[in-house]
PDB file of N, CA and C in Angstrom:
ATOM      1  N   MET A   1      -3.624 -23.888   1.954  1.00  0.00           N
ATOM      2  CA  MET A   1      -3.786 -23.173   0.705  1.00  0.00           C
ATOM      3  C   MET A   1      -4.585 -24.028  -0.278  1.00  0.00           C
ATOM      4  N   HIS A   2      -4.243 -25.302  -0.363  1.00  0.00           N
ATOM      5  CA  HIS A   2      -4.954 -26.195  -1.299  1.00  0.00           C
ATOM      6  C   HIS A   2      -6.441 -26.276  -0.954  1.00  0.00           C
ATOM      7  N   GLU A   3      -6.746 -26.387   0.317  1.00  0.00           N
ATOM      8  CA  GLU A   3      -8.144 -26.458   0.757  1.00  0.00           C
ATOM      9  C   GLU A   3      -8.888 -25.165   0.395  1.00  0.00           C
ATOM     10  N   ALA A   4      -8.224 -24.037   0.540  1.00  0.00           N
ATOM     11  CA  ALA A   4      -8.847 -22.750   0.225  1.00  0.00           C
ATOM     12  C   ALA A   4      -9.170 -22.649  -1.265  1.00  0.00           C
ATOM     13  N   LYS A   5      -8.286 -23.171  -2.114  1.00  0.00           N
ATOM     14  CA  LYS A   5      -8.531 -23.136  -3.553  1.00  0.00           C
ATOM     15  C   LYS A   5      -9.819 -23.863  -3.913  1.00  0.00           C
ATOM     16  N   SER A   6     -10.039 -25.004  -3.291  1.00  0.00           N
ATOM     17  CA  SER A   6     -11.205 -25.815  -3.637  1.00  0.00           C
ATOM     18  C   SER A   6     -12.500 -25.276  -3.019  1.00  0.00           C
ATOM     19  N   SER A   7     -12.398 -24.361  -2.063  1.00  0.00           N
ATOM     20  CA  SER A   7     -13.615 -23.844  -1.427  1.00  0.00           C
ATOM     21  C   SER A   7     -13.642 -22.313  -1.380  1.00  0.00           C
ATOM     22  N   LEU A   8     -13.094 -21.691  -2.408  1.00  0.00           N
ATOM     23  CA  LEU A   8     -12.983 -20.231  -2.432  1.00  0.00           C
ATOM     24  C   LEU A   8     -14.355 -19.550  -2.384  1.00  0.00           C
ATOM     25  N   SER A   9     -15.333 -20.084  -3.109  1.00  0.00           N
ATOM     26  CA  SER A   9     -16.669 -19.467  -3.100  1.00  0.00           C
ATOM     27  C   SER A   9     -17.272 -19.487  -1.705  1.00  0.00           C
ATOM     28  N   ARG A  10     -17.139 -20.590  -1.025  1.00  0.00           N
ATOM     29  CA  ARG A  10     -17.684 -20.709   0.337  1.00  0.00           C
ATOM     30  C   ARG A  10     -16.964 -19.754   1.285  1.00  0.00           C
ATOM     31  N   LEU A  11     -15.658 -19.659   1.151  1.00  0.00           N
ATOM     32  CA  LEU A  11     -14.890 -18.738   2.001  1.00  0.00           C
ATOM     33  C   LEU A  11     -15.280 -17.290   1.710  1.00  0.00           C
ATOM     34  N   GLY A  12     -15.505 -16.981   0.428  1.00  0.00           N
ATOM     35  CA  GLY A  12     -15.933 -15.631   0.057  1.00  0.00           C
ATOM     36  C   GLY A  12     -17.261 -15.274   0.698  1.00  0.00           C
ATOM     37  N   GLU A  13     -18.188 -16.203   0.726  1.00  0.00           N
ATOM     38  CA  GLU A  13     -19.479 -15.963   1.372  1.00  0.00           C
ATOM     39  C   GLU A  13     -19.316 -15.697   2.865  1.00  0.00           C
ATOM     40  N   ARG A  14     -18.419 -16.418   3.497  1.00  0.00           N
ATOM     41  CA  ARG A  14     -18.179 -16.210   4.930  1.00  0.00           C
ATOM     42  C   ARG A  14     -17.610 -14.820   5.186  1.00  0.00           C
ATOM     43  N   VAL A  15     -16.730 -14.377   4.300  1.00  0.00           N
ATOM     44  CA  VAL A  15     -16.147 -13.040   4.440  1.00  0.00           C
ATOM     45  C   VAL A  15     -17.228 -11.976   4.266  1.00  0.00           C
ATOM     46  N   ILE A  16     -18.088 -12.136   3.263  1.00  0.00           N
ATOM     47  CA  ILE A  16     -19.166 -11.177   3.014  1.00  0.00           C
ATOM     48  C   ILE A  16     -20.095 -11.090   4.219  1.00  0.00           C
ATOM     49  N   CYS A  17     -20.250 -12.202   4.924  1.00  0.00           N
ATOM     50  CA  CYS A  17     -21.119 -12.222   6.113  1.00  0.00           C
ATOM     51  C   CYS A  17     -20.431 -11.654   7.351  1.00  0.00           C
ATOM     52  N   GLY A  18     -19.192 -11.195   7.196  1.00  0.00           N
ATOM     53  CA  GLY A  18     -18.513 -10.542   8.310  1.00  0.00           C
ATOM     54  C   GLY A  18     -17.471 -11.371   9.026  1.00  0.00           C
ATOM     55  N   GLU A  19     -17.249 -12.592   8.599  1.00  0.00           N
ATOM     56  CA  GLU A  19     -16.262 -13.441   9.264  1.00  0.00           C
ATOM     57  C   GLU A  19     -14.858 -13.121   8.757  1.00  0.00           C
ATOM     58  N   ARG A  20     -13.884 -13.223   9.621  1.00  0.00           N
ATOM     59  CA  ARG A  20     -12.482 -13.016   9.243  1.00  0.00           C
ATOM     60  C   ARG A  20     -11.932 -14.352   8.759  1.00  0.00           C
ATOM     61  N   VAL A  21     -11.377 -14.380   7.551  1.00  0.00           N
ATOM     62  CA  VAL A  21     -10.837 -15.617   6.986  1.00  0.00           C
ATOM     63  C   VAL A  21      -9.358 -15.404   6.677  1.00  0.00           C
ATOM     64  N   VAL A  22      -8.511 -16.211   7.332  1.00  0.00           N
ATOM     65  CA  VAL A  22      -7.070 -16.172   7.105  1.00  0.00           C
ATOM     66  C   VAL A  22      -6.670 -17.509   6.503  1.00  0.00           C
ATOM     67  N   ILE A  23      -5.979 -17.473   5.377  1.00  0.00           N
ATOM     68  CA  ILE A  23      -5.521 -18.682   4.701  1.00  0.00           C
ATOM     69  C   ILE A  23      -4.073 -18.915   5.085  1.00  0.00           C
ATOM     70  N   ALA A  24      -3.784 -20.140   5.462  1.00  0.00           N
ATOM     71  CA  ALA A  24      -2.434 -20.487   5.901  1.00  0.00           C
ATOM     72  C   ALA A  24      -1.699 -21.255   4.809  1.00  0.00           C
ATOM     73  N   ARG A  25      -0.401 -21.150   4.844  1.00  0.00           N
ATOM     74  CA  ARG A  25       0.480 -21.907   3.941  1.00  0.00           C
ATOM     75  C   ARG A  25       1.561 -22.499   4.818  1.00  0.00           C
ATOM     76  N   ALA A  26       1.694 -23.794   4.775  1.00  0.00           N
ATOM     77  CA  ALA A  26       2.666 -24.513   5.615  1.00  0.00           C
ATOM     78  C   ALA A  26       2.445 -24.194   7.088  1.00  0.00           C
ATOM     79  N   GLY A  27       1.174 -24.040   7.468  1.00  0.00           N
ATOM     80  CA  GLY A  27       0.829 -23.814   8.863  1.00  0.00           C
ATOM     81  C   GLY A  27       1.011 -22.401   9.372  1.00  0.00           C
ATOM     82  N   LYS A  28       1.366 -21.482   8.473  1.00  0.00           N
ATOM     83  CA  LYS A  28       1.577 -20.092   8.887  1.00  0.00           C
ATOM     84  C   LYS A  28       0.621 -19.187   8.112  1.00  0.00           C
ATOM     85  N   PRO A  29       0.099 -18.116   8.750  1.00  0.00           N
ATOM     86  CA  PRO A  29      -0.801 -17.197   8.048  1.00  0.00           C
ATOM     87  C   PRO A  29      -0.146 -16.675   6.772  1.00  0.00           C
ATOM     88  N   TYR A  30      -0.913 -16.703   5.676  1.00  0.00           N
ATOM     89  CA  TYR A  30      -0.377 -16.339   4.368  1.00  0.00           C
ATOM     90  C   TYR A  30      -1.194 -15.216   3.726  1.00  0.00           C
ATOM     91  N   LEU A  31      -2.512 -15.358   3.730  1.00  0.00           N
ATOM     92  CA  LEU A  31      -3.402 -14.371   3.122  1.00  0.00           C
ATOM     93  C   LEU A  31      -4.604 -14.141   4.018  1.00  0.00           C
ATOM     94  N   GLU A  32      -5.164 -12.953   3.932  1.00  0.00           N
ATOM     95  CA  GLU A  32      -6.420 -12.677   4.612  1.00  0.00           C
ATOM     96  C   GLU A  32      -7.414 -12.218   3.550  1.00  0.00           C
ATOM     97  N   LEU A  33      -8.564 -12.887   3.497  1.00  0.00           N
ATOM     98  CA  LEU A  33      -9.595 -12.493   2.547  1.00  0.00           C
ATOM     99  C   LEU A  33     -10.378 -11.329   3.121  1.00  0.00           C
ATOM    100  N   MET A  34     -10.645 -10.347   2.267  1.00  0.00           N
ATOM    101  CA  MET A  34     -11.392  -9.173   2.699  1.00  0.00           C
ATOM    102  C   MET A  34     -12.398  -8.818   1.618  1.00  0.00           C
ATOM    103  N   PRO A  35     -13.568  -8.306   2.010  1.00  0.00           N
ATOM    104  CA  PRO A  35     -14.537  -7.894   1.000  1.00  0.00           C
ATOM    105  C   PRO A  35     -14.050  -6.644   0.275  1.00  0.00           C
ATOM    106  N   TYR A  36     -14.459  -6.494  -0.972  1.00  0.00           N
ATOM    107  CA  TYR A  36     -14.106  -5.320  -1.754  1.00  0.00           C
ATOM    108  C   TYR A  36     -14.882  -4.114  -1.231  1.00  0.00           C
ATOM    109  N   ARG A  37     -14.187  -3.013  -1.080  1.00  0.00           N
ATOM    110  CA  ARG A  37     -14.828  -1.764  -0.682  1.00  0.00           C
ATOM    111  C   ARG A  37     -14.412  -0.703  -1.689  1.00  0.00           C
ATOM    112  N   ALA A  38     -15.392  -0.054  -2.294  1.00  0.00           N
ATOM    113  CA  ALA A  38     -15.101   0.987  -3.280  1.00  0.00           C
ATOM    114  C   ALA A  38     -14.382   2.149  -2.597  1.00  0.00           C
ATOM    115  N   SER A  39     -13.548   2.823  -3.347  1.00  0.00           N
ATOM    116  CA  SER A  39     -12.817   3.964  -2.788  1.00  0.00           C
ATOM    117  C   SER A  39     -13.783   5.088  -2.457  1.00  0.00           C
ATOM    118  N   GLY A  40     -13.305   6.051  -1.714  1.00  0.00           N
ATOM    119  CA  GLY A  40     -14.144   7.143  -1.234  1.00  0.00           C
ATOM    120  C   GLY A  40     -14.593   8.121  -2.297  1.00  0.00           C
ATOM    121  N   GLY A  41     -14.285   7.886  -3.536  1.00  0.00           N
ATOM    122  CA  GLY A  41     -14.714   8.794  -4.597  1.00  0.00           C
ATOM    123  C   GLY A  41     -13.535   9.493  -5.232  1.00  0.00           C
ATOM    124  N   ALA A  42     -13.841  10.407  -6.100  1.00  0.00           N
ATOM    125  CA  ALA A  42     -12.798  11.135  -6.828  1.00  0.00           C
ATOM    126  C   ALA A  42     -12.074  12.108  -5.898  1.00  0.00           C
ATOM    127  N   ARG A  43     -10.776  12.212  -6.104  1.00  0.00           N
ATOM    128  CA  ARG A  43      -9.984  13.153  -5.324  1.00  0.00           C
ATOM    129  C   ARG A  43     -10.196  14.563  -5.853  1.00  0.00           C
ATOM    130  N   THR A  44     -10.058  15.537  -4.971  1.00  0.00           N
ATOM    131  CA  THR A  44     -10.238  16.931  -5.343  1.00  0.00           C
ATOM    132  C   THR A  44      -8.886  17.639  -5.330  1.00  0.00           C
ATOM    133  N   PRO A  45      -8.357  17.980  -6.507  1.00  0.00           N
ATOM    134  CA  PRO A  45      -7.075  18.681  -6.553  1.00  0.00           C
ATOM    135  C   PRO A  45      -7.157  20.021  -5.826  1.00  0.00           C
ATOM    136  N   GLY A  46      -6.090  20.384  -5.139  1.00  0.00           N
ATOM    137  CA  GLY A  46      -6.014  21.680  -4.487  1.00  0.00           C
ATOM    138  C   GLY A  46      -6.663  21.738  -3.114  1.00  0.00           C
ATOM    139  N   ARG A  47      -7.049  20.610  -2.592  1.00  0.00           N
ATOM    140  CA  ARG A  47      -7.743  20.588  -1.303  1.00  0.00           C
ATOM    141  C   ARG A  47      -6.875  21.132  -0.165  1.00  0.00           C
ATOM    142  N   LEU A  48      -5.558  20.972  -0.268  1.00  0.00           N
ATOM    143  CA  LEU A  48      -4.653  21.451   0.783  1.00  0.00           C
ATOM    144  C   LEU A  48      -3.925  22.742   0.396  1.00  0.00           C
ATOM    145  N   LYS A  49      -4.432  23.416  -0.605  1.00  0.00           N
ATOM    146  CA  LYS A  49      -3.788  24.647  -1.067  1.00  0.00           C
ATOM    147  C   LYS A  49      -3.654  25.643   0.088  1.00  0.00           C
ATOM    148  N   GLY A  50      -2.431  26.181   0.230  1.00  0.00           N
ATOM    149  CA  GLY A  50      -2.164  27.150   1.278  1.00  0.00           C
ATOM    150  C   GLY A  50      -1.796  26.531   2.615  1.00  0.00           C
ATOM    151  N   GLN A  51      -1.840  25.212   2.712  1.00  0.00           N
ATOM    152  CA  GLN A  51      -1.534  24.544   3.980  1.00  0.00           C
ATOM    153  C   GLN A  51      -0.163  23.879   3.983  1.00  0.00           C
ATOM    154  N   ILE A  52       0.480  23.804   2.830  1.00  0.00           N
ATOM    155  CA  ILE A  52       1.780  23.143   2.729  1.00  0.00           C
ATOM    156  C   ILE A  52       2.813  24.182   2.323  1.00  0.00           C
ATOM    157  N   ARG A  53       3.901  24.229   3.042  1.00  0.00           N
ATOM    158  CA  ARG A  53       4.970  25.190   2.763  1.00  0.00           C
ATOM    159  C   ARG A  53       6.270  24.437   2.471  1.00  0.00           C
ATOM    160  N   MET A  54       7.025  24.937   1.509  1.00  0.00           N
ATOM    161  CA  MET A  54       8.334  24.393   1.172  1.00  0.00           C
ATOM    162  C   MET A  54       9.395  25.392   1.610  1.00  0.00           C
ATOM    163  N   ALA A  55      10.484  24.879   2.121  1.00  0.00           N
ATOM    164  CA  ALA A  55      11.596  25.744   2.512  1.00  0.00           C
ATOM    165  C   ALA A  55      12.178  26.404   1.261  1.00  0.00           C
ATOM    166  N   ALA A  56      12.726  27.585   1.407  1.00  0.00           N
ATOM    167  CA  ALA A  56      13.280  28.322   0.271  1.00  0.00           C
ATOM    168  C   ALA A  56      14.405  27.548  -0.411  1.00  0.00           C
ATOM    169  N   ASP A  57      15.140  26.736   0.358  1.00  0.00           N
ATOM    170  CA  ASP A  57      16.269  25.995  -0.209  1.00  0.00           C
ATOM    171  C   ASP A  57      15.886  24.542  -0.546  1.00  0.00           C
ATOM    172  N   PHE A  58      14.616  24.258  -0.722  1.00  0.00           N
ATOM    173  CA  PHE A  58      14.139  22.895  -0.967  1.00  0.00           C
ATOM    174  C   PHE A  58      14.847  22.236  -2.150  1.00  0.00           C
ATOM    175  N   ASP A  59      15.045  22.965  -3.234  1.00  0.00           N
ATOM    176  CA  ASP A  59      15.648  22.393  -4.439  1.00  0.00           C
ATOM    177  C   ASP A  59      17.175  22.446  -4.449  1.00  0.00           C
ATOM    178  N   ASP A  60      17.790  23.063  -3.464  1.00  0.00           N
ATOM    179  CA  ASP A  60      19.250  23.126  -3.405  1.00  0.00           C
ATOM    180  C   ASP A  60      19.791  21.765  -3.019  1.00  0.00           C
ATOM    181  N   LEU A  61      20.782  21.287  -3.770  1.00  0.00           N
ATOM    182  CA  LEU A  61      21.367  19.979  -3.519  1.00  0.00           C
ATOM    183  C   LEU A  61      22.856  20.148  -3.242  1.00  0.00           C
ATOM    184  N   PRO A  62      23.316  19.644  -2.086  1.00  0.00           N
ATOM    185  CA  PRO A  62      24.741  19.763  -1.773  1.00  0.00           C
ATOM    186  C   PRO A  62      25.614  19.101  -2.844  1.00  0.00           C
ATOM    187  N   GLU A  63      26.745  19.708  -3.113  1.00  0.00           N
ATOM    188  CA  GLU A  63      27.660  19.219  -4.149  1.00  0.00           C
ATOM    189  C   GLU A  63      28.106  17.782  -3.896  1.00  0.00           C
ATOM    190  N   GLU A  64      28.318  17.390  -2.619  1.00  0.00           N
ATOM    191  CA  GLU A  64      28.761  16.023  -2.334  1.00  0.00           C
ATOM    192  C   GLU A  64      27.687  14.989  -2.676  1.00  0.00           C
ATOM    193  N   VAL A  65      26.436  15.381  -2.588  1.00  0.00           N
ATOM    194  CA  VAL A  65      25.346  14.467  -2.968  1.00  0.00           C
ATOM    195  C   VAL A  65      25.324  14.300  -4.481  1.00  0.00           C
ATOM    196  N   ILE A  66      25.496  15.375  -5.213  1.00  0.00           N
ATOM    197  CA  ILE A  66      25.546  15.310  -6.675  1.00  0.00           C
ATOM    198  C   ILE A  66      26.688  14.397  -7.110  1.00  0.00           C
ATOM    199  N   ARG A  67      27.868  14.560  -6.495  1.00  0.00           N
ATOM    200  CA  ARG A  67      29.017  13.719  -6.837  1.00  0.00           C
ATOM    201  C   ARG A  67      28.743  12.252  -6.508  1.00  0.00           C
ATOM    202  N   ALA A  68      28.090  11.986  -5.399  1.00  0.00           N
ATOM    203  CA  ALA A  68      27.798  10.604  -5.001  1.00  0.00           C
ATOM    204  C   ALA A  68      26.865   9.937  -6.021  1.00  0.00           C
ATOM    205  N   PHE A  69      25.870  10.671  -6.513  1.00  0.00           N
ATOM    206  CA  PHE A  69      24.943  10.098  -7.495  1.00  0.00           C
ATOM    207  C   PHE A  69      25.601   9.910  -8.853  1.00  0.00           C
ATOM    208  N   SER A  70      26.600  10.698  -9.159  1.00  0.00           N
ATOM    209  CA  SER A  70      27.268  10.555 -10.450  1.00  0.00           C
ATOM    210  C   SER A  70      28.464   9.624 -10.373  1.00  0.00           C
ATOM    211  N   GLY A  71      28.666   8.982  -9.217  1.00  0.00           N
ATOM    212  CA  GLY A  71      29.742   8.003  -9.066  1.00  0.00           C
ATOM    213  C   GLY A  71      31.088   8.618  -8.745  1.00  0.00           C
ATOM    214  N   GLU A  72      31.115   9.859  -8.357  1.00  0.00           N
ATOM    215  CA  GLU A  72      32.371  10.550  -8.064  1.00  0.00           C
ATOM    216  C   GLU A  72      32.625  10.668  -6.573  1.00  0.00           C
ATOM    217  N   ALA A  73      31.910   9.912  -5.760  1.00  0.00           N
ATOM    218  CA  ALA A  73      32.054  10.020  -4.305  1.00  0.00           C
ATOM    219  C   ALA A  73      33.446   9.584  -3.863  1.00  0.00           C
ATOM    220  N   GLU A  74      33.891  10.211  -2.812  1.00  0.00           N
ATOM    221  CA  GLU A  74      35.243   9.911  -2.304  1.00  0.00           C
ATOM    222  C   GLU A  74      35.234   8.708  -1.414  1.00  0.00           C
TER     223      GLU A  74
END
């Protein structure tokens, strides 16, 4: 880890060139450096409209679960 701190710029260049860089701490893999990749763009709301179904009883909660969350469990 200490060696990586002192040579971070050089390690970053190696990563940009396609090399895999894993930083170890106490002899064990600790971090992996990866190049930044921009996200795929803005999300489009409603893209899955009509493809997802909820069961009619989705919001029904059994009484024993309600009691358990309120500290009244047996």
